[in-house]
Structures are given as structure tokens and as C-alpha cells.
Amino acid sequence: MENESNLLITLITMDRAASCTIFTRSDGKEARFPLDPSPFEDTSVIARLDFSPAFEALLATTLSGDQVLFEMPLEGVADQLAGRLVVYLDQNQWSLLSNAASGVPKSSEADRAAARKLKEWVDQRRIILPASAGHYYETGKRFSTDKRYALGLTILQYSRGWQMRDPLQVRRNELHDAFCYRLGRPDSMRSDPVFTLAPEALHSPTRSADAEPPSTVQNHLDFQTKALLAASVSIDTMLDTQRVEEGPDTGWTAASQRFSDWLDGLAQDSQQKRRAIDIHLLTDLQRELAEEAAAADVSKELFRQWGFKGLVRAIGDSPAVGLFREILQSRHLNKGTTWRPNDLTDMIYLSCAAGYADLIVCEKHMRDPLQQGLKRMGRSAQVYRRLSDAVAAIEELLEAASAPVTPAQ
């Protein structure tokens, strides 16, 4: 007879239909507790959540019978990539992938083959296809409930819980670390991975003026609870039947258009215009620069001494915000540029992804400035327009990584 002290919880189930939470022990016995009040809103499509502590995995089953498997974060393990390639898909590529995976007639055979190959590599744990807060927002505001569900399901099934840290937080981390590096304090630099399973990574607390910083996890149970809650909420939010409303107009598009038009009328060379764009960017980032300099313990006197050139160098040497700067310059220097409301979202998320991922797949209007920026910064991420081209490149990289190393003679 198994000793009571050796018994473990092997499965935790939250069953919507039975309105209870079920704890299953290693000896097969169960304990049931009522779900009162129920955490499932009327707009939720989640029917059941199963968590296995042994496998560190969460399985969500929807009312339609579809399933989503999420990998869960491990306490104390900062990097769970385990050598997997990171492939970031822009929103339009997720739509193509969703159509191909769902067998939509208008999808091409090349896209369907790419969808099968990507799923195979994800399941084999050879690549990750991280989701971002931008994907959640863009998916949630689609008008068709059925198409929104199909797209959200594809993103969840292919991402398996992997996410890109909020680009606004990545930007702050980069600025902070740039200041620490310049001060000769590497031990004070932040080490938060950009592609992660960690809870509270998808949305930065800085997005809300009233938000509290992430709390410190006190023990293993706290960590698991927080991770489970974050993963469950992510799945439930992505698949919720209620459409997300468009966000407010911040005025960024109109301001960018005015600035581009003003630059077009200047009788200056490109270097002079680049300096004007840098001033424009520093003005936009002044709060982040000041707050992260203070967090890094930069004195006000030293901050003033570094001046314009020092701050531009801190930005330019950083992977994500440096690429954002390059794209901003490319767009503003292109005479006759027309700015659209979604440009800021594209620029922020794609520059962050390209700063840290291995491959990015996006539309041509963003691919070209991304490629130019990566080249200027000497970075190695590959950018593609088509899923099929990206799949061919991934295959080459995977083959190269698995090829035996020939010993030197």
C-alpha cells in the first residue's frame, strides 16, 4: 500500500460542465471542489482545463472539442528554448497559416505544405512560433466570430504558450542595460529573455499608469498558480466570443505624417535629416530614458554629460529599439511616405522580434526597411515575405544545426 506521504497530485482539472475542480492523486483517488462562483464568463468557449504538474503542461478543451496545449514555465529556469529556432510571424502570416491549417479553399498548396511543416517542427520542439500582445489585439478586433475563433485557435495551437515579451518592456530593459554597461555595472543588467513562457510577460506593467510592478514569487505553489492563471487567461482571452473594440486614436499617425511632410520640404542632406529624426525619437522616448537612467543609478550630472550623442548611441546599439530607430529613419527619409494607423504597431513589434528572433515573416512594406536596418546594424535575423520561403530557410538552418561536426585534421 502506497504511503500517504509519497502520494502526488498528478492532474488538476477544472470542468465547466461538472462545475468543479478535480484533484487526482497518483493512486487514482480524486478530490472534488465546487466552482462557486464559476470563473467562466458567458462569452468564454473554454469547457475544460487540465494541468499536469509532472509534465508541466496545460491542456485546454473548448466547447467545440478543439484542444490547445501550452508548455508551462519552470521555476528558476530563465531560458527554456533549449536551442529551438525562434520564428516570428506577422499578423497577416498568421492569417495565411490559419487558412491553410483549417483547409480554407482559397489557401495555396504551398501555404498548406508550410503549415504542416511548421506544426511538425513545433511538435518536435525544434522551433517556436511565439505569440505577442499585438497578435491578441489584432485577432480580437476581427468582426467575424467564426474567423476570429479559427485564427485565435491557430495562434494558440502553434505558439504552445510561447510569447514575445511586451516590446515596451523590452525597450526599457535595453535602455536600462545600455546605461548599466556604460557605467561598468554588468551585474545590474536585466536578464529577462524576450521569448519566454513566463507569466506577466505579454503585457508590460508600464502600459498602465496605475499598474503595480510584478510581485515577487514567494514559493513553488505561488509560482505554479500564477503561471496557470496567466496561461488560462491567455487562452480564454484569445478565444473569447466578444469582439475587442478599436483603441483610441493617439494622434501618432497624424504627428508622424506632419513630421515626414516637414522633412520632405527641408533642403538638407540625408545625414542632417537623420539627426532631425533622432531628435524626434529622443523626444518621444524622453520619459523612458529618464526613468531607466534613474533605475540604473545614472546621476543627473552624468546624464547631462552624455548628451545627445551618448543617448543616440545607447539607442542605436540596442537590438530592438535600435532597429525601431532604423525603420523610423527609413520611413521618414522616404520622400512621400504615407503613414497609416497600424504602422506604429508593426514597427514596434517587428523591430523587437527582428532584434532577437532567428527568422521573421512579414509584408513587403515592412520587410524592406527591416532588412536595411538589420544590415546597417550588422545583425543576422532573416526576413521573408512568404511562409514557403521561410520554411525552406528554416529547413536549411535545422539541417545545418543537426549536421555532424567534422573534427579538424
Protein backbone atom coordinates (compact mmCIF):
# COMPACT_ATOMS: atom_id res chain seq x y z
CA MET A 1 0.00 0.00 0.00
CA GLU A 2 1.41 3.36 -1.04
CA ASN A 3 2.43 5.63 1.81
CA GLU A 4 0.21 8.70 2.06
CA SER A 5 3.27 10.95 2.30
CA ASN A 6 4.53 9.68 -1.08
CA LEU A 7 1.32 10.44 -2.94
CA LEU A 8 1.44 13.22 -5.50
CA ILE A 9 -1.13 15.30 -7.36
CA THR A 10 -0.85 14.07 -10.95
CA LEU A 11 -3.68 16.04 -12.54
CA ILE A 12 -5.71 19.15 -11.77
CA THR A 13 -8.90 19.55 -13.79
CA MET A 14 -11.30 22.47 -13.96
CA ASP A 15 -14.50 21.13 -15.51
CA ARG A 16 -17.08 23.70 -16.60
CA ALA A 17 -19.94 21.24 -17.20
CA ALA A 18 -19.46 19.50 -13.84
CA SER A 19 -18.86 22.89 -12.20
CA CYS A 20 -15.97 21.59 -10.11
CA THR A 21 -12.20 21.41 -9.76
CA ILE A 22 -10.84 17.86 -9.57
CA PHE A 23 -7.51 16.93 -7.95
CA THR A 24 -6.33 13.46 -9.00
CA ARG A 25 -3.67 11.68 -6.93
CA SER A 26 -1.03 9.19 -8.08
CA ASP A 27 -3.11 6.37 -6.57
CA GLY A 28 -6.09 7.34 -8.75
CA LYS A 29 -8.19 8.84 -5.97
CA GLU A 30 -9.92 12.17 -6.56
CA ALA A 31 -10.99 15.17 -4.53
CA ARG A 32 -13.67 17.46 -5.96
CA PHE A 33 -14.38 21.06 -5.04
CA PRO A 34 -17.26 23.14 -6.44
CA LEU A 35 -16.59 26.01 -8.81
CA ASP A 36 -18.53 28.66 -6.97
CA PRO A 37 -18.66 31.21 -8.39
CA SER A 38 -17.79 29.89 -11.84
CA PRO A 39 -14.75 31.59 -13.43
CA PHE A 40 -16.19 31.05 -16.91
CA GLU A 41 -17.95 34.07 -18.41
CA ASP A 42 -20.85 33.62 -20.82
CA THR A 43 -18.57 34.66 -23.71
CA SER A 44 -15.91 32.06 -22.81
CA VAL A 45 -15.56 29.00 -25.05
CA ILE A 46 -13.44 27.01 -22.59
CA ALA A 47 -15.05 23.74 -21.47
CA ARG A 48 -12.21 22.16 -19.52
CA LEU A 49 -8.69 22.86 -18.28
CA ASP A 50 -6.27 20.04 -17.41
CA PHE A 51 -2.92 20.69 -15.79
CA SER A 52 -0.29 18.01 -15.26
CA PRO A 53 2.40 19.08 -12.75
CA ALA A 54 4.64 16.19 -13.83
CA PHE A 55 4.68 17.23 -17.49
CA GLU A 56 4.44 20.99 -16.80
CA ALA A 57 1.70 21.27 -19.41
CA LEU A 58 -1.77 22.80 -19.60
CA LEU A 59 -4.41 21.37 -21.92
CA ALA A 60 -7.48 23.48 -22.70
CA THR A 61 -10.53 21.95 -24.38
CA THR A 62 -13.12 24.22 -25.97
CA LEU A 63 -16.89 23.77 -26.19
CA SER A 64 -16.35 22.72 -29.83
CA GLY A 65 -13.92 19.99 -28.80
CA ASP A 66 -10.78 21.75 -30.06
CA GLN A 67 -7.70 21.47 -27.87
CA VAL A 68 -4.81 23.80 -27.04
CA LEU A 69 -1.63 22.55 -25.39
CA PHE A 70 0.58 25.06 -23.58
CA GLU A 71 4.06 24.43 -22.26
CA MET A 72 4.39 25.84 -18.76
CA PRO A 73 7.30 27.80 -17.30
CA LEU A 74 9.73 26.07 -14.94
CA GLU A 75 10.55 27.84 -11.72
CA GLY A 76 14.09 29.15 -11.63
CA VAL A 77 14.74 28.36 -15.31
CA ALA A 78 15.22 31.59 -17.25
CA ASP A 79 15.67 30.04 -20.71
CA GLN A 80 13.55 27.06 -21.80
CA LEU A 81 14.23 27.46 -25.52
CA ALA A 82 16.67 24.54 -25.43
CA GLY A 83 18.24 25.59 -28.71
CA ARG A 84 14.99 25.89 -30.66
CA LEU A 85 14.80 28.39 -33.53
CA VAL A 86 12.56 31.39 -32.97
CA VAL A 87 10.31 32.22 -35.93
CA TYR A 88 8.13 35.32 -35.57
CA LEU A 89 5.08 35.67 -37.83
CA ASP A 90 3.43 38.99 -38.54
CA GLN A 91 -0.35 39.05 -38.18
CA ASN A 92 -1.02 38.62 -41.91
CA GLN A 93 1.13 35.47 -41.90
CA TRP A 94 -0.86 34.02 -39.01
CA SER A 95 -4.00 34.58 -41.11
CA LEU A 96 -2.46 32.68 -44.03
CA LEU A 97 -1.35 29.92 -41.67
CA SER A 98 -4.81 29.71 -40.11
CA ASN A 99 -6.48 29.44 -43.51
CA ALA A 100 -4.01 26.77 -44.60
CA ALA A 101 -4.30 24.79 -41.35
CA SER A 102 -8.13 24.99 -41.49
CA GLY A 103 -8.22 23.85 -45.13
CA VAL A 104 -9.81 27.06 -46.42
CA PRO A 105 -10.19 26.53 -50.21
CA LYS A 106 -8.52 29.82 -51.14
CA SER A 107 -5.26 28.86 -49.41
CA SER A 108 -2.49 27.67 -51.73
CA GLU A 109 -0.89 24.24 -51.67
CA ALA A 110 2.42 25.93 -50.80
CA ASP A 111 0.84 27.51 -47.71
CA ARG A 112 -0.82 24.23 -46.71
CA ALA A 113 2.51 22.41 -47.00
CA ALA A 114 4.18 25.18 -44.96
CA ALA A 115 1.50 24.88 -42.26
CA ARG A 116 2.05 21.13 -41.97
CA LYS A 117 5.82 21.53 -41.79
CA LEU A 118 5.69 24.27 -39.17
CA LYS A 119 3.33 22.21 -36.98
CA GLU A 120 5.63 19.22 -37.30
CA TRP A 121 8.66 21.25 -36.17
CA VAL A 122 6.70 22.83 -33.31
CA ASP A 123 5.57 19.40 -32.08
CA GLN A 124 9.14 18.08 -32.39
CA ARG A 125 10.31 21.03 -30.25
CA ARG A 126 12.67 22.24 -32.97
CA ILE A 127 11.16 25.71 -33.41
CA ILE A 128 8.84 28.07 -31.56
CA LEU A 129 6.28 30.42 -33.11
CA PRO A 130 5.72 32.96 -30.31
CA ALA A 131 2.54 34.98 -29.93
CA SER A 132 2.62 38.65 -28.95
CA ALA A 133 0.20 41.12 -27.40
CA GLY A 134 -0.12 42.58 -30.90
CA HIS A 135 -1.43 39.24 -32.19
CA TYR A 136 -4.01 39.11 -29.40
CA TYR A 137 -5.22 42.62 -30.16
CA GLU A 138 -5.31 42.21 -33.94
CA THR A 139 -7.16 38.90 -33.64
CA GLY A 140 -9.64 40.15 -31.04
CA LYS A 141 -10.85 43.05 -33.16
CA ARG A 142 -11.86 40.93 -36.20
CA PHE A 143 -15.57 41.20 -36.97
CA SER A 144 -16.41 37.59 -37.83
CA THR A 145 -16.74 35.46 -34.69
CA ASP A 146 -16.02 32.22 -36.60
CA LYS A 147 -12.92 33.60 -38.33
CA ARG A 148 -11.72 35.16 -35.10
CA TYR A 149 -12.04 31.79 -33.33
CA ALA A 150 -10.22 29.91 -36.12
CA LEU A 151 -7.37 32.43 -36.18
CA GLY A 152 -7.06 32.56 -32.40
CA LEU A 153 -7.07 28.77 -32.20
CA THR A 154 -4.27 28.53 -34.77
CA ILE A 155 -2.11 31.07 -32.92
CA LEU A 156 -2.61 29.25 -29.62
CA GLN A 157 -2.02 25.76 -31.04
CA TYR A 158 1.15 26.74 -32.90
CA SER A 159 2.60 29.02 -30.21
CA ARG A 160 2.05 26.45 -27.39
CA GLY A 161 2.30 29.15 -24.74
CA TRP A 162 5.45 30.81 -26.09
CA GLN A 163 5.20 34.57 -26.22
CA MET A 164 7.27 37.62 -27.03
CA ARG A 165 7.79 39.89 -24.07
CA ASP A 166 5.99 43.23 -24.38
CA PRO A 167 8.14 45.36 -26.73
CA LEU A 168 7.63 48.38 -24.47
CA GLN A 169 9.24 46.43 -21.62
CA VAL A 170 11.99 45.13 -23.89
CA ARG A 171 12.72 48.72 -24.88
CA ARG A 172 13.00 49.76 -21.24
CA ASN A 173 15.23 46.78 -20.44
CA GLU A 174 17.53 47.65 -23.31
CA LEU A 175 17.86 51.28 -22.26
CA HIS A 176 18.49 50.26 -18.66
CA ASP A 177 21.15 47.74 -19.70
CA ALA A 178 22.80 50.23 -22.05
CA PHE A 179 23.20 52.63 -19.13
CA CYS A 180 24.48 49.86 -16.83
CA TYR A 181 27.00 48.77 -19.47
CA ARG A 182 28.29 52.29 -19.85
CA LEU A 183 28.64 52.58 -16.09
CA GLY A 184 30.58 49.31 -15.95
CA ARG A 185 27.90 47.53 -13.89
CA PRO A 186 27.11 44.31 -15.79
CA ASP A 187 25.76 42.66 -12.64
CA SER A 188 22.94 45.22 -12.55
CA MET A 189 21.74 44.42 -16.06
CA ARG A 190 18.37 42.74 -16.52
CA SER A 191 18.35 39.24 -17.96
CA ASP A 192 14.70 38.75 -18.90
CA PRO A 193 14.52 36.67 -22.12
CA VAL A 194 12.48 38.23 -24.92
CA PHE A 195 10.87 34.94 -25.98
CA THR A 196 9.51 33.26 -22.90
CA LEU A 197 6.88 31.15 -21.13
CA ALA A 198 6.99 33.39 -18.07
CA PRO A 199 3.72 34.79 -16.68
CA GLU A 200 3.20 38.56 -16.83
CA ALA A 201 5.49 38.90 -19.87
CA LEU A 202 2.89 39.55 -22.57
CA HIS A 203 1.85 42.97 -21.24
CA SER A 204 4.20 45.38 -19.55
CA PRO A 205 3.04 46.96 -16.27
CA THR A 206 4.19 50.30 -17.73
CA ARG A 207 1.18 50.28 -20.08
CA SER A 208 -0.94 51.44 -17.16
CA ALA A 209 0.00 54.42 -15.02
CA ASP A 210 -1.70 52.78 -12.04
CA ALA A 211 -0.19 49.31 -12.52
CA GLU A 212 1.91 47.74 -9.84
CA PRO A 213 5.18 46.03 -10.77
CA PRO A 214 5.09 42.22 -10.94
CA SER A 215 5.03 40.73 -7.47
CA THR A 216 7.88 38.57 -6.23
CA VAL A 217 7.02 34.88 -6.22
CA GLN A 218 7.32 33.53 -2.68
CA ASN A 219 7.27 29.77 -3.24
CA HIS A 220 6.69 27.00 -5.75
CA LEU A 221 2.91 26.93 -5.23
CA ASP A 222 2.67 30.69 -5.81
CA PHE A 223 4.71 30.33 -8.98
CA GLN A 224 2.58 27.49 -10.39
CA THR A 225 -0.65 29.30 -9.51
CA LYS A 226 0.48 32.49 -11.21
CA ALA A 227 1.69 30.60 -14.27
CA LEU A 228 -1.55 28.61 -14.55
CA LEU A 229 -3.68 31.71 -14.17
CA ALA A 230 -1.71 33.60 -16.82
CA ALA A 231 -1.83 30.72 -19.30
CA SER A 232 -5.55 30.08 -18.75
CA VAL A 233 -6.39 33.76 -19.13
CA SER A 234 -4.33 33.98 -22.33
CA ILE A 235 -6.21 31.08 -23.91
CA ASP A 236 -9.60 32.29 -22.70
CA THR A 237 -8.95 35.86 -23.89
CA MET A 238 -7.80 34.84 -27.35
CA LEU A 239 -10.87 32.66 -27.95
CA ASP A 240 -13.50 34.82 -26.24
CA THR A 241 -16.55 35.40 -28.46
CA GLN A 242 -16.78 39.10 -27.58
CA ARG A 243 -15.04 41.31 -30.11
CA VAL A 244 -12.41 43.77 -28.89
CA GLU A 245 -13.12 47.40 -29.77
CA GLU A 246 -10.66 49.55 -31.70
CA GLY A 247 -8.30 51.51 -29.49
CA PRO A 248 -8.42 55.31 -29.26
CA ASP A 249 -6.62 57.47 -31.79
CA THR A 250 -3.43 58.59 -30.03
CA GLY A 251 -2.57 61.14 -32.70
CA TRP A 252 0.69 59.32 -33.52
CA THR A 253 -0.19 58.76 -37.19
CA ALA A 254 -1.05 62.39 -37.85
CA ALA A 255 2.04 63.62 -35.98
CA SER A 256 4.28 61.25 -37.96
CA GLN A 257 2.73 62.40 -41.22
CA ARG A 258 3.31 66.07 -40.35
CA PHE A 259 6.93 65.34 -39.45
CA SER A 260 7.55 63.38 -42.70
CA ASP A 261 5.97 66.15 -44.77
CA TRP A 262 8.13 68.74 -42.98
CA LEU A 263 11.27 66.69 -43.68
CA ASP A 264 10.32 66.39 -47.35
CA GLY A 265 10.35 70.18 -47.61
CA LEU A 266 13.78 70.62 -45.99
CA ALA A 267 16.75 71.49 -48.21
CA GLN A 268 19.07 69.17 -46.26
CA ASP A 269 21.08 66.02 -46.99
CA SER A 270 20.18 62.62 -45.52
CA GLN A 271 22.64 62.90 -42.62
CA GLN A 272 21.15 66.19 -41.49
CA LYS A 273 17.67 64.69 -41.73
CA ARG A 274 18.79 61.63 -39.77
CA ARG A 275 19.83 63.91 -36.93
CA ALA A 276 16.39 65.59 -37.02
CA ILE A 277 14.75 62.14 -36.85
CA ASP A 278 16.94 61.18 -33.90
CA ILE A 279 15.88 64.34 -32.08
CA HIS A 280 12.26 63.45 -32.85
CA LEU A 281 12.82 59.91 -31.44
CA LEU A 282 14.61 61.12 -28.31
CA THR A 283 11.73 63.48 -27.62
CA ASP A 284 9.32 60.56 -27.91
CA LEU A 285 11.45 58.42 -25.57
CA GLN A 286 12.34 61.10 -23.03
CA ARG A 287 10.27 59.58 -20.22
CA GLU A 288 11.69 56.06 -20.73
CA LEU A 289 15.23 57.42 -20.99
CA ALA A 290 14.91 59.43 -17.79
CA GLU A 291 13.23 56.67 -15.77
CA GLU A 292 15.61 53.91 -16.87
CA ALA A 293 18.64 56.14 -16.31
CA ALA A 294 17.40 56.71 -12.76
CA ALA A 295 16.78 52.96 -12.31
CA ALA A 296 20.36 52.31 -13.45
CA ASP A 297 21.66 54.86 -10.92
CA VAL A 298 22.92 57.36 -13.50
CA SER A 299 23.47 60.71 -11.83
CA LYS A 300 21.76 63.76 -13.30
CA GLU A 301 25.15 65.33 -13.96
CA LEU A 302 26.42 62.29 -15.86
CA PHE A 303 23.16 62.02 -17.79
CA ARG A 304 23.64 65.64 -18.94
CA GLN A 305 27.28 64.97 -19.83
CA TRP A 306 26.36 62.08 -22.09
CA GLY A 307 24.11 64.44 -24.03
CA PHE A 308 22.53 63.84 -27.40
CA LYS A 309 25.29 61.66 -28.89
CA GLY A 310 25.50 59.42 -25.83
CA LEU A 311 21.76 58.78 -25.77
CA VAL A 312 21.61 58.12 -29.51
CA ARG A 313 24.45 55.62 -29.09
CA ALA A 314 22.58 53.87 -26.27
CA ILE A 315 19.54 53.55 -28.51
CA GLY A 316 21.43 52.64 -31.66
CA ASP A 317 23.39 49.80 -30.04
CA SER A 318 20.26 48.14 -28.62
CA PRO A 319 18.71 45.30 -30.71
CA ALA A 320 15.01 46.23 -30.61
CA VAL A 321 14.94 50.00 -30.08
CA GLY A 322 17.94 50.32 -32.41
CA LEU A 323 16.01 48.57 -35.19
CA PHE A 324 12.99 50.72 -34.44
CA ARG A 325 15.23 53.77 -34.96
CA GLU A 326 16.48 52.36 -38.27
CA ILE A 327 12.95 51.71 -39.54
CA LEU A 328 11.80 55.15 -38.39
CA GLN A 329 14.65 56.78 -40.28
CA SER A 330 14.00 54.70 -43.39
CA ARG A 331 10.30 55.60 -43.43
CA HIS A 332 10.81 59.31 -42.74
CA LEU A 333 13.65 59.61 -45.30
CA ASN A 334 11.50 58.00 -47.99
CA LYS A 335 10.01 61.02 -49.70
CA GLY A 336 6.23 60.95 -49.96
CA THR A 337 5.74 58.37 -47.20
CA THR A 338 2.11 57.90 -46.18
CA TRP A 339 1.61 56.90 -42.55
CA ARG A 340 -1.24 54.56 -41.59
CA PRO A 341 -2.74 53.82 -38.15
CA ASN A 342 -1.27 50.31 -37.96
CA ASP A 343 2.29 51.39 -38.82
CA LEU A 344 3.30 52.03 -35.22
CA THR A 345 2.13 48.57 -34.10
CA ASP A 346 4.01 46.93 -37.00
CA MET A 347 7.19 48.89 -36.32
CA ILE A 348 7.28 48.27 -32.58
CA TYR A 349 6.51 44.55 -32.68
CA LEU A 350 8.55 43.66 -35.76
CA SER A 351 11.62 45.61 -34.65
CA CYS A 352 11.51 43.81 -31.31
CA ALA A 353 11.06 40.42 -32.98
CA ALA A 354 13.82 41.05 -35.55
CA GLY A 355 16.17 42.15 -32.78
CA TYR A 356 16.03 38.72 -31.13
CA ALA A 357 14.37 36.08 -33.36
CA ASP A 358 16.08 33.91 -35.97
CA LEU A 359 13.51 34.47 -38.72
CA ILE A 360 10.67 36.92 -39.32
CA VAL A 361 7.90 36.65 -41.91
CA CYS A 362 6.02 39.86 -42.74
CA GLU A 363 4.62 42.04 -45.53
CA LYS A 364 6.88 43.71 -48.09
CA HIS A 365 6.34 47.26 -46.81
CA MET A 366 7.94 46.22 -43.51
CA ARG A 367 10.36 43.62 -44.83
CA ASP A 368 12.46 46.08 -46.84
CA PRO A 369 13.14 48.61 -44.05
CA LEU A 370 13.71 45.74 -41.61
CA GLN A 371 16.30 44.17 -43.90
CA GLN A 372 18.02 47.52 -44.40
CA GLY A 373 18.07 48.16 -40.66
CA LEU A 374 19.42 44.70 -39.86
CA LYS A 375 22.18 45.17 -42.41
CA ARG A 376 23.13 48.60 -41.04
CA MET A 377 23.28 47.17 -37.51
CA GLY A 378 25.17 44.04 -38.56
CA ARG A 379 22.53 41.66 -37.21
CA SER A 380 21.78 38.21 -38.59
CA ALA A 381 17.98 37.72 -38.42
CA GLN A 382 16.44 36.63 -41.72
CA VAL A 383 13.31 38.36 -43.03
CA TYR A 384 10.88 36.80 -45.54
CA ARG A 385 7.63 37.70 -47.25
CA ARG A 386 6.24 34.20 -47.81
CA LEU A 387 5.72 31.27 -45.48
CA SER A 388 7.05 28.84 -48.08
CA ASP A 389 10.32 30.77 -48.40
CA ALA A 390 10.67 30.92 -44.62
CA VAL A 391 10.05 27.16 -44.33
CA ALA A 392 12.82 26.45 -46.84
CA ALA A 393 15.19 28.67 -44.84
CA ILE A 394 14.19 27.02 -41.55
CA GLU A 395 14.85 23.60 -43.05
CA GLU A 396 18.36 24.66 -44.05
CA LEU A 397 19.09 26.03 -40.59
CA LEU A 398 17.78 22.88 -38.88
CA GLU A 399 19.81 20.63 -41.17
CA ALA A 400 22.93 22.70 -40.53
CA ALA A 401 22.34 22.54 -36.77
CA SER A 402 21.93 18.74 -36.81
CA ALA A 403 24.81 18.02 -39.20
CA PRO A 404 27.74 16.17 -37.55
CA VAL A 405 30.81 18.29 -36.91
CA THR A 406 33.86 17.10 -38.81
CA PRO A 407 36.89 17.04 -36.48
CA ALA A 408 39.84 19.16 -37.53
CA GLN A 409 42.67 17.24 -39.13
